[in-house]
């Protein structure tokens, strides 16, 4: 694992959550898992996801830089976990759009291949979600 890519995963994950948790279309899905309520119910602070975000970072490190799960790590069962949220197709597509926009913000010459790989993974997950949820 390169420290540079791990740091990029951290930054992109947090940046995406900053946007997605407040989004008019999909924000409510994220707010279902926030750990505490905020004074503005439509704009929770990123700290309200402090226990969830490390798991999401771990997921992307496994996917992108080959980090291994340990015995203590809970397995990732993305389809079933998200199925319980009952998302509609438009919400999945909105997630993809916002995620790709976040990747756009971080892409530069030094990480172009890594971001390309990440986009490929996002596309694969989009196809899986659209196939298995609808």
Foldseek 3Di string as FASTA:
>chain_A
DDPVVLVVLLVLLLVLCQDQCLDPQRVVLVLVQFQDADPDNNHDDSVSCVVPSVLSSVVVCCQQVNDDDDPPDDDDPPQVVVLVSVDDLVNLVVSLVSSVVSLVVPDDPVCPVSSVSVNVVSVVVNVVNVVPND
